[in-house]
C-alpha cells in the first residue's frame, strides 16, 4: 500500500465530509429555524461498503 497516496486520499475525503456537513448544519439552523434558541443533537455514521465498519459519533451543537 502506498501510505502517502492513502493518507492524501483519506484527508481529502474527511475534508469533504467536514465542509459539506458544516454547510448542511448551517443551512438547517439559519434557513429553517429548526434549532431556535436550543441545541441540535447530531449523529454521524461512517460505513464502508463491503466491510463491517460501522462507526457512530454523536454530539450536540449549541445554537443559542
N, C-alpha and C. Protein backbone atom coordinates (compact mmCIF):
# COMPACT_ATOMS: atom_id res chain seq x y z
N UNK A 1 0.85 -1.17 0.00
CA UNK A 1 0.00 0.00 0.00
C UNK A 1 0.90 1.23 0.00
N UNK A 2 0.53 2.20 -0.81
CA UNK A 2 1.25 3.48 -0.86
C UNK A 2 0.70 4.38 0.25
N UNK A 3 1.44 4.49 1.34
CA UNK A 3 0.99 5.24 2.52
C UNK A 3 0.68 6.70 2.21
N UNK A 4 1.52 7.33 1.42
CA UNK A 4 1.29 8.75 1.11
C UNK A 4 0.02 8.95 0.30
N UNK A 5 -0.16 8.10 -0.67
CA UNK A 5 -1.37 8.20 -1.51
C UNK A 5 -2.63 7.94 -0.68
N UNK A 6 -2.58 6.92 0.15
CA UNK A 6 -3.70 6.59 1.03
C UNK A 6 -4.01 7.76 1.97
N UNK A 7 -2.99 8.31 2.59
CA UNK A 7 -3.15 9.40 3.53
C UNK A 7 -3.78 10.62 2.85
N UNK A 8 -3.32 10.96 1.67
CA UNK A 8 -3.86 12.11 0.94
C UNK A 8 -5.32 11.88 0.56
N UNK A 9 -5.63 10.68 0.12
CA UNK A 9 -7.00 10.35 -0.27
C UNK A 9 -7.93 10.39 0.93
N UNK A 10 -7.47 9.86 2.05
CA UNK A 10 -8.25 9.87 3.28
C UNK A 10 -8.50 11.30 3.75
N UNK A 11 -7.47 12.12 3.76
CA UNK A 11 -7.62 13.52 4.17
C UNK A 11 -8.58 14.28 3.26
N UNK A 12 -8.51 14.00 1.96
CA UNK A 12 -9.41 14.65 1.01
C UNK A 12 -10.86 14.28 1.31
N UNK A 13 -11.11 13.01 1.58
CA UNK A 13 -12.46 12.55 1.90
C UNK A 13 -12.95 13.20 3.19
N UNK A 14 -12.12 13.19 4.24
CA UNK A 14 -12.52 13.76 5.52
C UNK A 14 -12.76 15.26 5.43
N UNK A 15 -11.99 15.95 4.61
CA UNK A 15 -12.21 17.38 4.40
C UNK A 15 -13.57 17.61 3.74
N UNK A 16 -13.88 16.80 2.74
CA UNK A 16 -15.18 16.91 2.07
C UNK A 16 -16.32 16.65 3.05
N UNK A 17 -16.17 15.64 3.89
CA UNK A 17 -17.19 15.33 4.90
C UNK A 17 -17.37 16.52 5.84
N UNK A 18 -16.27 17.06 6.33
CA UNK A 18 -16.33 18.17 7.27
C UNK A 18 -16.96 19.42 6.67
N UNK A 19 -16.54 19.80 5.49
CA UNK A 19 -17.04 21.01 4.84
C UNK A 19 -18.52 20.87 4.50
N UNK A 20 -18.90 19.76 3.88
CA UNK A 20 -20.30 19.62 3.47
C UNK A 20 -21.22 19.43 4.67
N UNK A 21 -20.72 18.78 5.72
CA UNK A 21 -21.53 18.61 6.93
C UNK A 21 -21.78 19.96 7.59
N UNK A 22 -20.75 20.78 7.68
CA UNK A 22 -20.90 22.11 8.27
C UNK A 22 -21.89 22.94 7.47
N UNK A 23 -21.80 22.87 6.15
CA UNK A 23 -22.73 23.62 5.29
C UNK A 23 -24.17 23.20 5.54
N UNK A 24 -24.41 21.91 5.65
CA UNK A 24 -25.77 21.42 5.85
C UNK A 24 -26.33 21.82 7.22
N UNK A 25 -25.49 21.76 8.24
CA UNK A 25 -25.93 22.15 9.58
C UNK A 25 -26.22 23.65 9.63
N UNK A 26 -25.34 24.46 9.03
CA UNK A 26 -25.57 25.91 8.98
C UNK A 26 -26.86 26.23 8.24
N UNK A 27 -27.10 25.54 7.15
CA UNK A 27 -28.32 25.75 6.38
C UNK A 27 -29.55 25.42 7.24
N UNK A 28 -29.49 24.32 7.95
CA UNK A 28 -30.59 23.91 8.82
C UNK A 28 -30.89 25.00 9.85
N UNK A 29 -29.85 25.49 10.50
CA UNK A 29 -30.03 26.46 11.58
C UNK A 29 -30.48 27.82 11.04
N UNK A 30 -29.84 28.29 9.99
CA UNK A 30 -30.10 29.64 9.50
C UNK A 30 -31.38 29.77 8.69
N UNK A 31 -31.66 28.79 7.85
CA UNK A 31 -32.79 28.91 6.93
C UNK A 31 -34.10 28.37 7.49
N UNK A 32 -34.03 27.32 8.24
CA UNK A 32 -35.29 26.71 8.69
C UNK A 32 -35.66 27.11 10.11
N UNK A 33 -34.73 27.64 10.86
CA UNK A 33 -35.01 27.99 12.23
C UNK A 33 -35.30 26.79 13.10
N UNK A 34 -34.85 25.63 12.71
CA UNK A 34 -35.16 24.39 13.42
C UNK A 34 -34.62 24.33 14.83
N UNK A 35 -33.60 25.09 15.11
CA UNK A 35 -32.97 24.96 16.43
C UNK A 35 -32.98 26.29 17.17
N UNK A 36 -33.97 27.08 16.94
CA UNK A 36 -34.02 28.40 17.53
C UNK A 36 -33.85 28.35 19.05
N UNK A 37 -32.78 28.97 19.53
CA UNK A 37 -32.55 29.10 20.95
C UNK A 37 -32.16 27.83 21.67
N UNK A 38 -31.95 26.74 20.98
CA UNK A 38 -31.61 25.50 21.65
C UNK A 38 -30.41 24.83 21.03
N UNK A 39 -30.25 23.59 21.36
CA UNK A 39 -29.15 22.81 20.81
C UNK A 39 -29.67 21.79 19.81
N UNK A 40 -28.78 21.34 18.96
CA UNK A 40 -29.13 20.31 17.98
C UNK A 40 -28.34 19.05 18.32
N UNK A 41 -29.02 17.95 18.51
CA UNK A 41 -28.35 16.67 18.69
C UNK A 41 -28.04 16.12 17.30
N UNK A 42 -26.79 15.76 17.09
CA UNK A 42 -26.36 15.28 15.77
C UNK A 42 -25.70 13.92 15.90
N UNK A 43 -25.72 13.18 14.80
CA UNK A 43 -25.09 11.86 14.76
C UNK A 43 -24.51 11.67 13.37
N UNK A 44 -23.27 11.21 13.32
CA UNK A 44 -22.60 10.91 12.06
C UNK A 44 -22.29 9.42 12.07
N UNK A 45 -22.69 8.73 11.01
CA UNK A 45 -22.44 7.30 10.91
C UNK A 45 -21.52 7.06 9.72
N UNK A 46 -20.43 6.36 9.98
CA UNK A 46 -19.46 6.05 8.94
C UNK A 46 -19.51 4.56 8.65
N UNK A 47 -19.74 4.23 7.40
CA UNK A 47 -19.70 2.84 6.96
C UNK A 47 -18.79 2.75 5.75
N UNK A 48 -18.33 1.57 5.46
CA UNK A 48 -17.51 1.32 4.27
C UNK A 48 -18.08 0.10 3.56
N UNK A 49 -18.52 0.32 2.36
CA UNK A 49 -19.16 -0.74 1.58
C UNK A 49 -18.26 -1.97 1.50
N UNK A 50 -18.86 -3.11 1.75
CA UNK A 50 -18.13 -4.38 1.66
C UNK A 50 -17.33 -4.73 2.90
N UNK A 51 -17.49 -3.92 3.98
CA UNK A 51 -16.79 -4.21 5.23
C UNK A 51 -17.79 -4.18 6.37
N UNK A 52 -17.31 -4.52 7.57
CA UNK A 52 -18.19 -4.45 8.73
C UNK A 52 -18.01 -3.14 9.51
N UNK A 53 -17.37 -2.15 8.89
CA UNK A 53 -17.18 -0.85 9.55
C UNK A 53 -18.52 -0.17 9.78
N UNK A 54 -18.76 0.20 11.01
CA UNK A 54 -19.96 0.95 11.38
C UNK A 54 -19.59 1.78 12.60
N UNK A 55 -19.12 3.00 12.35
CA UNK A 55 -18.63 3.88 13.40
C UNK A 55 -19.58 5.05 13.56
N UNK A 56 -20.05 5.29 14.78
CA UNK A 56 -21.01 6.35 15.06
C UNK A 56 -20.40 7.36 16.00
N UNK A 57 -20.57 8.64 15.66
CA UNK A 57 -20.15 9.73 16.53
C UNK A 57 -21.39 10.57 16.80
N UNK A 58 -21.69 10.79 18.08
CA UNK A 58 -22.85 11.59 18.45
C UNK A 58 -22.38 12.81 19.22
N UNK A 59 -23.12 13.89 19.08
CA UNK A 59 -22.75 15.10 19.79
C UNK A 59 -23.90 16.09 19.81
N UNK A 60 -23.61 17.26 20.35
CA UNK A 60 -24.62 18.30 20.46
C UNK A 60 -23.99 19.61 20.04
N UNK A 61 -24.70 20.36 19.23
CA UNK A 61 -24.21 21.65 18.73
C UNK A 61 -25.05 22.74 19.38
N UNK A 62 -24.39 23.68 20.05
CA UNK A 62 -25.08 24.80 20.68
C UNK A 62 -25.46 25.84 19.63
N UNK A 63 -26.69 26.29 19.66
CA UNK A 63 -27.13 27.29 18.69
C UNK A 63 -27.57 28.59 19.34
N UNK A 64 -27.68 28.59 20.64
CA UNK A 64 -28.20 29.78 21.30
C UNK A 64 -27.19 30.56 22.06
